[in-house]
Amino acid sequence: MSHSLHFLSLNNSTIMKSSLNLLLVLASACSLVHAQNDSVAQSKAKLEESSKTLIETQKEQADLRRHLYKEVNELDDQVLTISKELRQLERDEALRTTNVKKLDKEVETRKTQYAYTVGLLNQYSKALVTRVHPAEFQIYREPIGQIDQSALNSANEPVKEMQERLKVLTLGIKRLGEISGGSTFEGKALGFAGKSLDGTFMIMGPSVYFAVKNGLSEGICPAQDTGSNFPAFVSINESGGSIAKAILTQQGTLPFDGTLGKAIVAEMKHPGGQNKALEHVMLFGDIAKNMMFDGWIAIAICVVMIAIGWTVAARKIIYLNSIEKGNRDFLREWSKVANDLTTLERNNEEMSSAKMSETPAMKRSPFYEIYHIGSEEITNRIASTKKGHKGLSGRSIQAVRAALDSGLVQLQHKLTDGLVYLTISIAGGPYVGLLGTVVGVMITFAIISKEGEVNVNAIAPGIASALLATVAGLIVAIPALFVYSYLNNRIKNITSEVKVFIDEFVAKMAEFYPQVNEASAPKFSNNDDI
């Protein structure tokens, strides 16, 4: 029993120790759990604080990023703006550079023009002195010389030099105005044996008149250089004082000479001379006398070409005039056609049967020829269709159009018939004349070399006669060219009008004769339809 009690007490103590250990473990666990809970709470607090810090940091970072993006965008905009400004400045610089180059070029051009103008005015001042009438030397030589000297002294002052040069131009314009209306001035002229005569000059256009003081003599001053400042004086005794009166009173009649006095001088030297026009005609006769046989052959061929060409041209002009009259008559009748294109054909047949001796003028019209072809085609095709139907199929209309086009080709051949003779004259005439000239020159030189005599009198007649063949060839070709162009233009106009008429005819045919079905359309032979 004591053993049992001892064992019981031992078990109780063991149980108590175990319980105590368990309590210690539980206490430790509780303290550990409590510590862990505190640690977790602290961790949570730290985590929350860290989260808040992270959120704030992210927000700050986002704000900073937005701010940076904004600054970057602003900088990009500034870069773009500056780039645009830079490009604009570069373009402005290029434009300014181009403008500077243009201005430099313009300055160089102006300098060149200035130099050219100054040189031109300088030449004008020199030419004015040499080309005015010798009588005007007394007026213009000294002033022009002074102006030239003043311009040379102002060579370093362009504006002043130009002003001085322009004075000569002003002086020349003033001179033109004076001589166009008649200018008078006192001066001297050289008479017979170089004697100096005082008197009054009058310049009227190209002619210069002079009246000696006290009415001793009057006449003209030819435009010939006398080697002095005074012009030569040629007295005209037959004027009866009219020259002096016209000079003094600005009224009367004057002998006008466009050759600056040369013709009057020649007339005075050779009074009663032959007519110059007649002399020129006689020269052709002299040239023809020296014409060789080959030249006459060339001229004969040219004469034949002229005869044939002008005959063809005259007949063609008459023919074109007649058909144009017929065209007007036909178009007047054509405008009356309402719904049947064959009306004019029937009316014409009735007129021809009533008046066998008369042929209507419109029968000569190309329009009528084309119309006649189309009318016959329409009549033949309508006659072959079913009774009571006056329609045409599409194939029939095409066949009629083909017949009209064929008639147009034949008409063109008829209108241009004979024009080949004009083209032969245009192309062949000059060559025939040139052949005669070349052969004539060859024979002339052969004769000269054979005779051994070389001078102008021996060469000139033969060459002039040979050239007469070329003149004949040109006389053939030039008028033929003009006539051919005239006729060709009229024929083109007529052909164009006929083409328009064909289009109008086909349009009216399609309108007046409605198409029939191809299945019910009549069958034609190869000669009637296509």
Protein backbone atom coordinates (compact mmCIF):
# COMPACT_ATOMS: atom_id res chain seq x y z
CA MET A 1 0.00 0.00 0.00
CA SER A 2 2.78 2.27 0.76
CA HIS A 3 4.19 1.27 -2.54
CA SER A 4 0.95 2.16 -4.13
CA LEU A 5 0.86 5.46 -2.43
CA HIS A 6 4.38 6.11 -3.43
CA PHE A 7 3.57 5.28 -7.00
CA LEU A 8 0.50 7.46 -6.83
CA SER A 9 2.43 10.32 -5.39
CA LEU A 10 5.03 9.78 -8.06
CA ASN A 11 2.45 9.90 -10.76
CA ASN A 12 0.92 13.01 -9.33
CA SER A 13 4.23 14.75 -9.22
CA THR A 14 4.91 13.65 -12.76
CA ILE A 15 1.59 14.90 -13.85
CA MET A 16 2.15 18.15 -12.14
CA LYS A 17 5.54 18.51 -13.74
CA SER A 18 4.05 17.74 -17.07
CA SER A 19 1.26 20.18 -16.46
CA LEU A 20 3.73 22.73 -15.33
CA ASN A 21 5.82 22.16 -18.41
CA LEU A 22 2.73 22.37 -20.51
CA LEU A 23 1.79 25.59 -18.83
CA LEU A 24 5.27 26.89 -19.44
CA VAL A 25 5.02 25.84 -23.04
CA LEU A 26 1.64 27.44 -23.34
CA ALA A 27 2.92 30.55 -21.66
CA SER A 28 5.89 30.58 -23.97
CA ALA A 29 3.60 29.97 -26.91
CA CYS A 30 1.28 32.70 -25.76
CA SER A 31 4.16 35.08 -25.28
CA LEU A 32 5.52 34.04 -28.65
CA VAL A 33 2.12 34.48 -30.27
CA HIS A 34 1.73 37.77 -28.52
CA ALA A 35 5.19 38.76 -29.67
CA GLN A 36 4.41 37.63 -33.18
CA ASN A 37 1.14 39.55 -33.10
CA ASP A 38 3.02 42.60 -31.99
CA SER A 39 5.56 41.97 -34.70
CA VAL A 40 2.82 41.50 -37.28
CA ALA A 41 1.09 44.62 -36.11
CA GLN A 42 4.32 46.48 -36.32
CA SER A 43 4.97 44.97 -39.72
CA LYS A 44 1.50 45.93 -40.82
CA ALA A 45 2.02 49.40 -39.52
CA LYS A 46 5.36 49.60 -41.25
CA LEU A 47 3.80 48.11 -44.38
CA GLU A 48 1.01 50.62 -44.31
CA GLU A 49 3.49 53.37 -43.70
CA SER A 50 5.66 52.01 -46.49
CA SER A 51 2.61 51.78 -48.76
CA LYS A 52 1.72 55.35 -47.96
CA THR A 53 5.29 56.34 -48.59
CA LEU A 54 5.29 54.35 -51.85
CA ILE A 55 2.02 55.93 -52.95
CA GLU A 56 3.32 59.35 -52.10
CA THR A 57 6.57 58.56 -53.87
CA GLN A 58 4.70 57.27 -56.95
CA LYS A 59 2.50 60.34 -56.89
CA GLU A 60 5.53 62.55 -56.60
CA GLN A 61 7.18 60.55 -59.36
CA ALA A 62 4.05 60.84 -61.54
CA ASP A 63 3.88 64.55 -60.84
CA LEU A 64 7.55 64.84 -61.59
CA ARG A 65 7.10 62.77 -64.80
CA ARG A 66 4.19 64.94 -65.91
CA HIS A 67 6.21 68.00 -65.16
CA LEU A 68 9.16 66.56 -67.07
CA TYR A 69 6.90 65.55 -69.98
CA LYS A 70 5.45 69.03 -70.01
CA GLU A 71 8.90 70.55 -70.00
CA VAL A 72 10.03 68.11 -72.73
CA ASN A 73 6.99 69.00 -74.86
CA GLU A 74 7.61 72.67 -74.30
CA LEU A 75 11.24 72.17 -75.24
CA ASP A 76 10.15 70.20 -78.34
CA ASP A 77 7.80 73.03 -79.28
CA GLN A 78 10.59 75.48 -78.76
CA VAL A 79 12.90 73.32 -80.88
CA LEU A 80 10.28 73.15 -83.65
CA THR A 81 9.69 76.88 -83.44
CA ILE A 82 13.39 77.58 -83.48
CA SER A 83 13.83 75.10 -86.37
CA LYS A 84 11.09 76.85 -88.33
CA GLU A 85 12.64 80.20 -87.56
CA LEU A 86 16.03 78.82 -88.58
CA ARG A 87 14.65 77.47 -91.87
CA GLN A 88 12.85 80.76 -92.47
CA LEU A 89 16.05 82.63 -91.73
CA GLU A 90 17.93 80.30 -94.08
CA ARG A 91 15.30 80.90 -96.78
CA ASP A 92 15.46 84.63 -96.12
CA GLU A 93 19.21 84.46 -96.33
CA ALA A 94 19.03 82.51 -99.60
CA LEU A 95 16.44 84.98 -100.92
CA ARG A 96 18.58 87.92 -99.88
CA THR A 97 21.58 86.26 -101.49
CA THR A 98 19.57 85.73 -104.67
CA ASN A 99 18.32 89.31 -104.55
CA VAL A 100 21.84 90.56 -104.03
CA LYS A 101 23.00 88.53 -107.02
CA LYS A 102 20.08 89.85 -109.05
CA LEU A 103 20.90 93.37 -107.99
CA ASP A 104 24.54 92.81 -108.87
CA LYS A 105 23.48 91.44 -112.23
CA GLU A 106 21.05 94.31 -112.68
CA VAL A 107 23.80 96.78 -111.83
CA GLU A 108 26.10 95.12 -114.37
CA THR A 109 23.29 95.14 -116.93
CA ARG A 110 22.60 98.80 -116.23
CA LYS A 111 26.28 99.57 -116.56
CA THR A 112 26.38 97.72 -119.87
CA GLN A 113 23.24 99.49 -121.05
CA TYR A 114 24.64 102.81 -119.92
CA ALA A 115 27.90 102.20 -121.75
CA TYR A 116 25.99 101.06 -124.84
CA THR A 117 23.67 104.08 -124.69
CA VAL A 118 26.57 106.49 -124.26
CA GLY A 119 28.41 104.85 -127.14
CA LEU A 120 25.28 104.94 -129.28
CA LEU A 121 24.69 108.61 -128.54
CA ASN A 122 28.35 109.31 -129.26
CA GLN A 123 28.04 107.58 -132.62
CA TYR A 124 24.81 109.45 -133.28
CA SER A 125 26.49 112.80 -132.64
CA LYS A 126 29.31 111.91 -135.03
CA ALA A 127 26.91 110.54 -137.65
CA LEU A 128 24.63 113.57 -137.36
CA VAL A 129 27.46 115.87 -138.37
CA THR A 130 28.42 113.73 -141.35
CA ARG A 131 24.88 112.96 -142.55
CA VAL A 132 23.21 116.34 -142.38
CA HIS A 133 23.05 118.34 -145.55
CA PRO A 134 26.24 120.33 -146.23
CA ALA A 135 24.19 123.50 -145.86
CA GLU A 136 23.46 122.55 -142.25
CA PHE A 137 27.12 122.33 -141.33
CA GLN A 138 26.95 126.05 -140.62
CA ILE A 139 24.26 125.43 -137.97
CA TYR A 140 25.10 122.14 -136.27
CA ARG A 141 28.83 121.49 -136.52
CA GLU A 142 29.91 123.93 -133.82
CA PRO A 143 27.12 123.14 -131.26
CA ILE A 144 27.61 119.40 -131.66
CA GLY A 145 31.37 119.78 -131.24
CA GLN A 146 30.86 121.73 -128.02
CA ILE A 147 28.45 119.09 -126.68
CA ASP A 148 30.91 116.28 -127.48
CA GLN A 149 33.73 118.11 -125.72
CA SER A 150 31.57 118.76 -122.65
CA ALA A 151 30.56 115.08 -122.56
CA LEU A 152 34.20 113.99 -122.72
CA ASN A 153 35.06 116.32 -119.85
CA SER A 154 32.25 114.72 -117.78
CA ALA A 155 33.38 111.12 -118.34
CA ASN A 156 33.82 110.61 -114.58
CA GLU A 157 30.29 111.86 -113.89
CA PRO A 158 27.88 109.41 -115.57
CA VAL A 159 24.73 111.46 -114.97
CA LYS A 160 26.21 114.64 -116.36
CA GLU A 161 27.75 112.79 -119.30
CA MET A 162 24.38 111.24 -120.15
CA GLN A 163 22.71 114.65 -119.94
CA GLU A 164 25.27 116.10 -122.34
CA ARG A 165 24.87 113.18 -124.77
CA LEU A 166 21.09 113.56 -124.72
CA LYS A 167 21.46 117.16 -125.84
CA VAL A 168 22.61 115.87 -129.23
CA LEU A 169 19.53 113.65 -129.46
CA THR A 170 17.30 116.58 -128.54
CA LEU A 171 19.05 118.67 -131.17
CA GLY A 172 18.48 115.97 -133.80
CA ILE A 173 14.77 115.66 -132.93
CA LYS A 174 14.42 119.43 -133.10
CA ARG A 175 16.09 119.39 -136.52
CA LEU A 176 13.63 116.78 -137.82
CA GLY A 177 10.71 118.90 -136.71
CA GLU A 178 12.15 121.98 -138.37
CA ILE A 179 13.00 120.45 -141.73
CA SER A 180 9.68 118.57 -141.95
CA GLY A 181 7.80 121.86 -141.91
CA GLY A 182 10.40 123.97 -143.67
CA SER A 183 13.36 125.60 -141.97
CA THR A 184 15.03 128.82 -143.17
CA PHE A 185 18.32 130.33 -142.08
CA GLU A 186 21.00 132.68 -143.35
CA GLY A 187 24.23 131.24 -144.69
CA LYS A 188 26.71 130.88 -147.48
CA ALA A 189 26.93 128.61 -150.53
CA LEU A 190 29.57 127.95 -153.15
CA GLY A 191 28.61 129.11 -156.60
CA PHE A 192 30.35 128.81 -159.95
CA ALA A 193 34.15 128.50 -159.67
CA GLY A 194 33.91 128.20 -155.88
CA LYS A 195 32.64 131.73 -155.37
CA SER A 196 31.08 132.29 -151.95
CA LEU A 197 27.47 133.52 -152.10
CA ASP A 198 25.46 134.99 -149.22
CA GLY A 199 21.78 134.20 -149.07
CA THR A 200 18.94 132.36 -147.39
CA PHE A 201 18.57 128.58 -147.18
CA MET A 202 15.31 126.69 -146.93
CA ILE A 203 15.31 123.01 -145.98
CA MET A 204 12.15 121.14 -146.92
CA GLY A 205 12.49 117.44 -146.20
CA PRO A 206 15.42 116.08 -148.21
CA SER A 207 15.62 119.12 -150.49
CA VAL A 208 17.60 122.31 -149.81
CA TYR A 209 16.82 125.53 -151.67
CA PHE A 210 18.91 128.71 -151.76
CA ALA A 211 18.14 132.26 -152.75
CA VAL A 212 21.04 134.66 -153.22
CA LYS A 213 20.71 138.05 -151.57
CA ASN A 214 19.26 140.87 -153.65
CA GLY A 215 17.48 138.25 -155.83
CA LEU A 216 20.43 137.73 -158.12
CA SER A 217 19.90 133.95 -158.40
CA GLU A 218 18.01 131.02 -156.94
CA GLY A 219 18.24 127.26 -157.08
CA ILE A 220 19.05 124.15 -155.11
CA CYS A 221 21.96 122.79 -153.11
CA PRO A 222 22.65 119.11 -153.89
CA ALA A 223 23.73 116.78 -151.09
CA GLN A 224 27.32 116.50 -152.18
CA ASP A 225 30.42 117.16 -150.13
CA THR A 226 32.43 120.15 -151.31
CA GLY A 227 35.30 119.70 -148.88
CA SER A 228 34.29 122.81 -146.97
CA ASN A 229 31.58 123.94 -144.60
CA PHE A 230 29.53 125.40 -147.45
CA PRO A 231 27.28 123.49 -149.90
CA ALA A 232 27.41 123.67 -153.67
CA PHE A 233 24.80 125.87 -155.34
CA VAL A 234 23.08 124.98 -158.63
CA SER A 235 21.12 127.81 -160.18
CA ILE A 236 17.72 127.10 -161.76
CA ASN A 237 16.93 129.82 -164.26
CA GLU A 238 13.52 128.42 -165.29
CA SER A 239 11.98 128.79 -161.81
CA GLY A 240 10.88 132.38 -162.47
CA GLY A 241 11.57 133.59 -158.94
CA SER A 242 9.23 131.04 -157.30
CA ILE A 243 12.00 129.60 -155.12
CA ALA A 244 13.02 132.98 -153.70
CA LYS A 245 9.38 133.88 -153.12
CA ALA A 246 8.70 130.60 -151.29
CA ILE A 247 11.80 131.07 -149.13
CA LEU A 248 10.96 134.64 -148.16
CA THR A 249 7.17 134.38 -147.79
CA GLN A 250 6.78 130.65 -146.92
CA GLN A 251 4.25 130.42 -149.76
CA GLY A 252 4.48 129.17 -153.32
CA THR A 253 5.68 126.12 -155.23
CA LEU A 254 9.05 124.41 -155.08
CA PRO A 255 10.66 121.73 -157.27
CA PHE A 256 10.68 118.66 -155.03
CA ASP A 257 13.41 116.09 -155.53
CA GLY A 258 13.63 112.99 -153.32
CA THR A 259 17.14 112.22 -154.59
CA LEU A 260 18.54 115.19 -152.69
CA GLY A 261 19.01 117.25 -155.84
CA LYS A 262 20.73 114.62 -157.96
CA ALA A 263 17.79 114.18 -160.34
CA ILE A 264 17.48 117.93 -160.95
CA VAL A 265 21.19 118.17 -161.62
CA ALA A 266 21.00 115.22 -164.01
CA GLU A 267 17.99 116.74 -165.76
CA MET A 268 19.83 120.01 -166.18
CA LYS A 269 22.83 118.17 -167.60
CA HIS A 270 20.69 116.03 -169.95
CA PRO A 271 17.46 117.88 -170.73
CA GLY A 272 14.78 116.00 -172.64
CA GLY A 273 16.09 112.54 -171.70
CA GLN A 274 14.19 109.33 -172.55
CA ASN A 275 11.63 107.79 -170.26
CA LYS A 276 13.41 105.53 -167.74
CA ALA A 277 10.59 102.99 -167.72
CA LEU A 278 10.84 102.69 -171.50
CA GLU A 279 14.58 102.32 -171.21
CA HIS A 280 14.12 99.40 -168.81
CA VAL A 281 11.73 97.73 -171.24
CA MET A 282 14.20 98.22 -174.06
CA LEU A 283 16.89 96.61 -171.91
CA PHE A 284 14.87 93.39 -171.82
CA GLY A 285 14.81 93.49 -175.60
CA ASP A 286 18.57 93.87 -175.73
CA ILE A 287 18.97 90.95 -173.32
CA ALA A 288 16.66 88.80 -175.44
CA LYS A 289 18.76 89.52 -178.53
CA ASN A 290 21.73 87.79 -176.89
CA MET A 291 19.63 84.78 -175.80
CA MET A 292 21.08 81.46 -176.95
CA PHE A 293 19.13 78.52 -178.31
CA ASP A 294 19.13 76.59 -175.02
CA GLY A 295 17.71 79.63 -173.24
CA TRP A 296 14.90 79.91 -175.78
CA ILE A 297 14.09 76.23 -175.22
CA ALA A 298 13.80 76.81 -171.45
CA ILE A 299 11.64 79.90 -172.01
CA ALA A 300 9.43 77.99 -174.49
CA ILE A 301 8.89 75.24 -171.90
CA CYS A 302 8.03 77.90 -169.32
CA VAL A 303 5.54 79.49 -171.73
CA VAL A 304 3.88 76.10 -172.27
CA MET A 305 3.70 75.62 -168.48
CA ILE A 306 2.14 79.05 -168.09
CA ALA A 307 -0.46 78.34 -170.79
CA ILE A 308 -1.42 74.95 -169.34
CA GLY A 309 -1.35 76.10 -165.73
CA TRP A 310 -3.45 79.22 -166.28
CA THR A 311 -5.90 77.31 -168.48
CA VAL A 312 -6.37 74.73 -165.73
CA ALA A 313 -6.63 77.47 -163.11
CA ALA A 314 -9.23 79.44 -165.09
CA ARG A 315 -11.35 76.34 -165.74
CA LYS A 316 -11.07 75.28 -162.11
CA ILE A 317 -12.10 78.72 -160.83
CA ILE A 318 -15.12 78.77 -163.18
CA TYR A 319 -16.03 75.24 -162.08
CA LEU A 320 -15.75 76.06 -158.37
CA ASN A 321 -17.86 79.19 -158.84
CA SER A 322 -20.56 77.18 -160.59
CA ILE A 323 -20.67 74.45 -157.94
CA GLU A 324 -20.78 77.02 -155.15
CA LYS A 325 -23.84 78.56 -156.82
CA GLY A 326 -25.32 75.06 -157.07
CA ASN A 327 -24.53 74.49 -153.39
CA ARG A 328 -26.51 77.58 -152.43
CA ASP A 329 -29.49 76.45 -154.56
CA PHE A 330 -29.36 72.93 -153.13
CA LEU A 331 -29.10 74.05 -149.51
CA ARG A 332 -32.08 76.34 -150.02
CA GLU A 333 -34.15 73.34 -151.19
CA TRP A 334 -32.60 71.01 -148.60
CA SER A 335 -33.75 73.23 -145.76
CA LYS A 336 -37.35 72.58 -146.86
CA VAL A 337 -37.10 68.78 -146.44
CA ALA A 338 -39.42 67.71 -143.62
CA ASN A 339 -39.69 63.93 -143.30
CA ASP A 340 -38.74 62.28 -146.61
CA LEU A 341 -35.13 62.57 -147.80
CA THR A 342 -36.02 61.46 -151.35
CA THR A 343 -38.32 64.45 -151.94
CA LEU A 344 -35.68 66.52 -153.74
CA GLU A 345 -34.84 63.61 -156.03
CA ARG A 346 -38.47 63.18 -157.10
CA ASN A 347 -38.94 66.91 -157.56
CA ASN A 348 -35.80 67.08 -159.69
CA GLU A 349 -36.99 64.18 -161.88
CA GLU A 350 -40.33 65.91 -162.39
CA MET A 351 -38.57 69.15 -163.31
CA SER A 352 -36.26 67.36 -165.74
CA SER A 353 -39.20 65.59 -167.43
CA ALA A 354 -41.10 68.87 -167.73
CA LYS A 355 -38.12 70.86 -169.09
CA MET A 356 -35.81 68.58 -170.98
CA SER A 357 -33.57 71.43 -172.18
CA GLU A 358 -32.90 72.86 -168.73
CA THR A 359 -30.71 71.30 -166.04
CA PRO A 360 -31.16 72.67 -162.52
CA ALA A 361 -28.09 74.51 -161.25
CA MET A 362 -28.08 72.45 -158.09
CA LYS A 363 -27.30 69.32 -160.15
CA ARG A 364 -23.76 70.68 -160.40
CA SER A 365 -23.57 70.88 -156.62
CA PRO A 366 -21.36 68.36 -154.78
CA PHE A 367 -24.08 68.29 -152.14
CA TYR A 368 -26.54 67.09 -154.77
CA GLU A 369 -24.14 64.39 -155.98
CA ILE A 370 -23.81 63.04 -152.43
CA TYR A 371 -27.55 63.48 -151.88
CA HIS A 372 -28.32 61.60 -155.13
CA ILE A 373 -26.22 58.64 -153.98
CA GLY A 374 -27.93 58.56 -150.59
CA SER A 375 -31.41 59.01 -152.07
CA GLU A 376 -30.94 56.10 -154.48
CA GLU A 377 -29.66 53.87 -151.67
CA ILE A 378 -32.66 54.76 -149.47
CA THR A 379 -35.13 54.23 -152.34
CA ASN A 380 -33.67 50.81 -153.25
CA ARG A 381 -33.75 49.57 -149.66
CA ILE A 382 -37.23 50.85 -148.85
CA ALA A 383 -38.56 49.28 -152.05
CA SER A 384 -37.26 45.89 -150.87
CA THR A 385 -38.83 46.07 -147.41
CA LYS A 386 -42.34 44.97 -146.46
CA LYS A 387 -45.11 47.10 -147.82
CA GLY A 388 -46.23 49.87 -145.54
CA HIS A 389 -42.94 50.04 -143.63
CA LYS A 390 -40.36 52.72 -144.41
CA GLY A 391 -37.73 51.88 -141.87
CA LEU A 392 -34.05 51.05 -142.30
CA SER A 393 -31.99 48.61 -140.29
CA GLY A 394 -28.72 49.54 -138.65
CA ARG A 395 -26.83 47.61 -141.31
CA SER A 396 -28.69 49.48 -144.05
CA ILE A 397 -27.80 52.84 -142.50
CA GLN A 398 -24.16 51.76 -142.33
CA ALA A 399 -24.30 50.68 -145.96
CA VAL A 400 -25.74 54.05 -146.99
CA ARG A 401 -23.01 55.82 -144.99
CA ALA A 402 -20.36 53.71 -146.78
CA ALA A 403 -21.86 54.69 -150.15
CA LEU A 404 -21.80 58.37 -149.14
CA ASP A 405 -18.15 58.12 -148.07
CA SER A 406 -17.31 56.47 -151.39
CA GLY A 407 -19.04 59.33 -153.18
CA LEU A 408 -17.00 61.80 -151.11
CA VAL A 409 -13.75 60.17 -152.24
CA GLN A 410 -14.86 60.36 -155.89
CA LEU A 411 -15.85 63.99 -155.35
CA GLN A 412 -12.42 64.82 -153.93
CA HIS A 413 -10.76 63.28 -156.99
CA LYS A 414 -13.06 65.32 -159.22
CA LEU A 415 -12.36 68.59 -157.37
CA THR A 416 -8.57 68.14 -157.39
CA ASP A 417 -8.44 66.95 -161.00
CA GLY A 418 -6.01 69.10 -162.98
CA LEU A 419 -4.24 70.68 -160.00
CA VAL A 420 -1.24 68.48 -160.75
CA TYR A 421 -0.41 70.80 -163.67
CA LEU A 422 -0.13 73.70 -161.24
CA THR A 423 2.11 71.67 -158.92
CA ILE A 424 4.28 70.77 -161.92
CA SER A 425 4.55 74.47 -162.76
CA ILE A 426 5.41 75.33 -159.15
CA ALA A 427 8.03 72.61 -158.76
CA GLY A 428 9.35 72.41 -162.31
CA GLY A 429 9.30 76.03 -163.50
CA PRO A 430 12.25 77.28 -161.41
CA TYR A 431 14.30 74.20 -162.23
CA VAL A 432 13.68 74.55 -165.96
CA GLY A 433 14.69 78.21 -165.76
CA LEU A 434 17.73 77.33 -163.65
CA LEU A 435 18.75 74.68 -166.16
CA GLY A 436 18.58 77.24 -168.96
CA THR A 437 20.63 79.68 -166.86
CA VAL A 438 23.31 77.12 -165.98
CA VAL A 439 23.65 75.95 -169.58
CA GLY A 440 23.74 79.55 -170.81
CA VAL A 441 26.46 80.51 -168.31
CA MET A 442 28.46 77.41 -169.25
CA ILE A 443 28.27 78.25 -172.94
CA THR A 444 29.17 81.90 -172.23
CA PHE A 445 32.30 80.91 -170.32
CA ALA A 446 33.18 78.34 -172.99
CA ILE A 447 32.98 81.03 -175.69
CA ILE A 448 35.06 83.44 -173.58
CA SER A 449 37.74 80.81 -172.93
CA LYS A 450 37.81 79.95 -176.63
CA GLU A 451 38.19 83.55 -177.75
CA GLY A 452 40.61 84.39 -174.94
CA GLU A 453 38.95 87.75 -174.29
CA VAL A 454 37.90 88.47 -170.70
CA ASN A 455 36.08 91.74 -169.97
CA VAL A 456 32.76 92.87 -168.60
CA ASN A 457 31.31 93.70 -172.01
CA ALA A 458 31.98 90.14 -173.17
CA ILE A 459 30.58 88.41 -170.07
CA ALA A 460 27.60 90.57 -169.11
CA PRO A 461 25.31 90.02 -172.16
CA GLY A 462 25.61 86.23 -172.04
CA ILE A 463 25.06 86.00 -168.29
CA ALA A 464 22.14 88.45 -168.42
CA SER A 465 20.53 86.39 -171.19
CA ALA A 466 21.08 83.19 -169.21
CA LEU A 467 19.48 84.73 -166.12
CA LEU A 468 16.44 85.63 -168.20
CA ALA A 469 15.59 81.90 -168.25
CA THR A 470 15.52 81.88 -164.43
CA VAL A 471 13.23 84.92 -164.48
CA ALA A 472 10.90 83.04 -166.82
CA GLY A 473 10.89 80.03 -164.49
CA LEU A 474 10.02 82.22 -161.50
CA ILE A 475 7.27 83.94 -163.50
CA VAL A 476 5.82 80.46 -164.05
CA ALA A 477 6.15 79.27 -160.45
CA ILE A 478 5.20 82.28 -158.30
CA PRO A 479 1.72 82.99 -159.75
CA ALA A 480 1.05 79.24 -159.96
CA LEU A 481 1.90 78.91 -156.25
CA PHE A 482 -0.57 81.65 -155.30
CA VAL A 483 -3.32 80.24 -157.52
CA TYR A 484 -2.73 76.69 -156.26
CA SER A 485 -2.97 77.83 -152.63
CA TYR A 486 -6.18 79.72 -153.41
CA LEU A 487 -7.80 76.78 -155.23
CA ASN A 488 -6.62 74.23 -152.66
CA ASN A 489 -8.14 76.30 -149.86
CA ARG A 490 -11.48 76.54 -151.69
CA ILE A 491 -11.48 72.80 -152.36
CA LYS A 492 -10.74 72.05 -148.70
CA ASN A 493 -13.63 74.27 -147.64
CA ILE A 494 -16.01 72.54 -150.06
CA THR A 495 -14.84 69.09 -148.91
CA SER A 496 -15.33 70.05 -145.26
CA GLU A 497 -18.84 71.31 -146.00
CA VAL A 498 -19.66 68.04 -147.81
CA LYS A 499 -18.44 66.02 -144.80
CA VAL A 500 -20.73 68.05 -142.57
CA PHE A 501 -23.59 67.46 -145.01
CA ILE A 502 -22.96 63.68 -144.94
CA ASP A 503 -23.20 63.69 -141.14
CA GLU A 504 -26.42 65.72 -141.34
CA PHE A 505 -27.84 63.38 -144.01
CA VAL A 506 -27.12 60.27 -141.93
CA ALA A 507 -28.63 61.91 -138.84
CA LYS A 508 -31.83 62.80 -140.71
CA MET A 509 -31.94 59.33 -142.26
CA ALA A 510 -31.81 57.72 -138.82
CA GLU A 511 -34.54 60.13 -137.65
CA PHE A 512 -36.92 59.89 -140.64
CA TYR A 513 -36.54 56.12 -141.20
CA PRO A 514 -36.75 54.28 -137.83
CA GLN A 515 -34.82 51.04 -137.59
CA VAL A 516 -36.55 47.70 -138.21
CA ASN A 517 -35.67 44.48 -136.41
CA GLU A 518 -32.74 42.62 -137.92
CA ALA A 519 -34.82 39.42 -138.04
CA SER A 520 -37.58 41.04 -140.12
CA ALA A 521 -35.20 43.10 -142.23
CA PRO A 522 -34.97 42.07 -145.90
CA LYS A 523 -31.96 40.15 -147.12
CA PHE A 524 -29.87 41.95 -149.73
CA SER A 525 -27.25 40.69 -152.06
CA ASN A 526 -23.60 41.66 -151.65
CA ASN A 527 -24.13 44.49 -154.11
CA ASP A 528 -26.99 46.02 -152.07
CA ASP A 529 -25.89 45.68 -148.44
CA ILE A 530 -22.90 44.87 -146.29
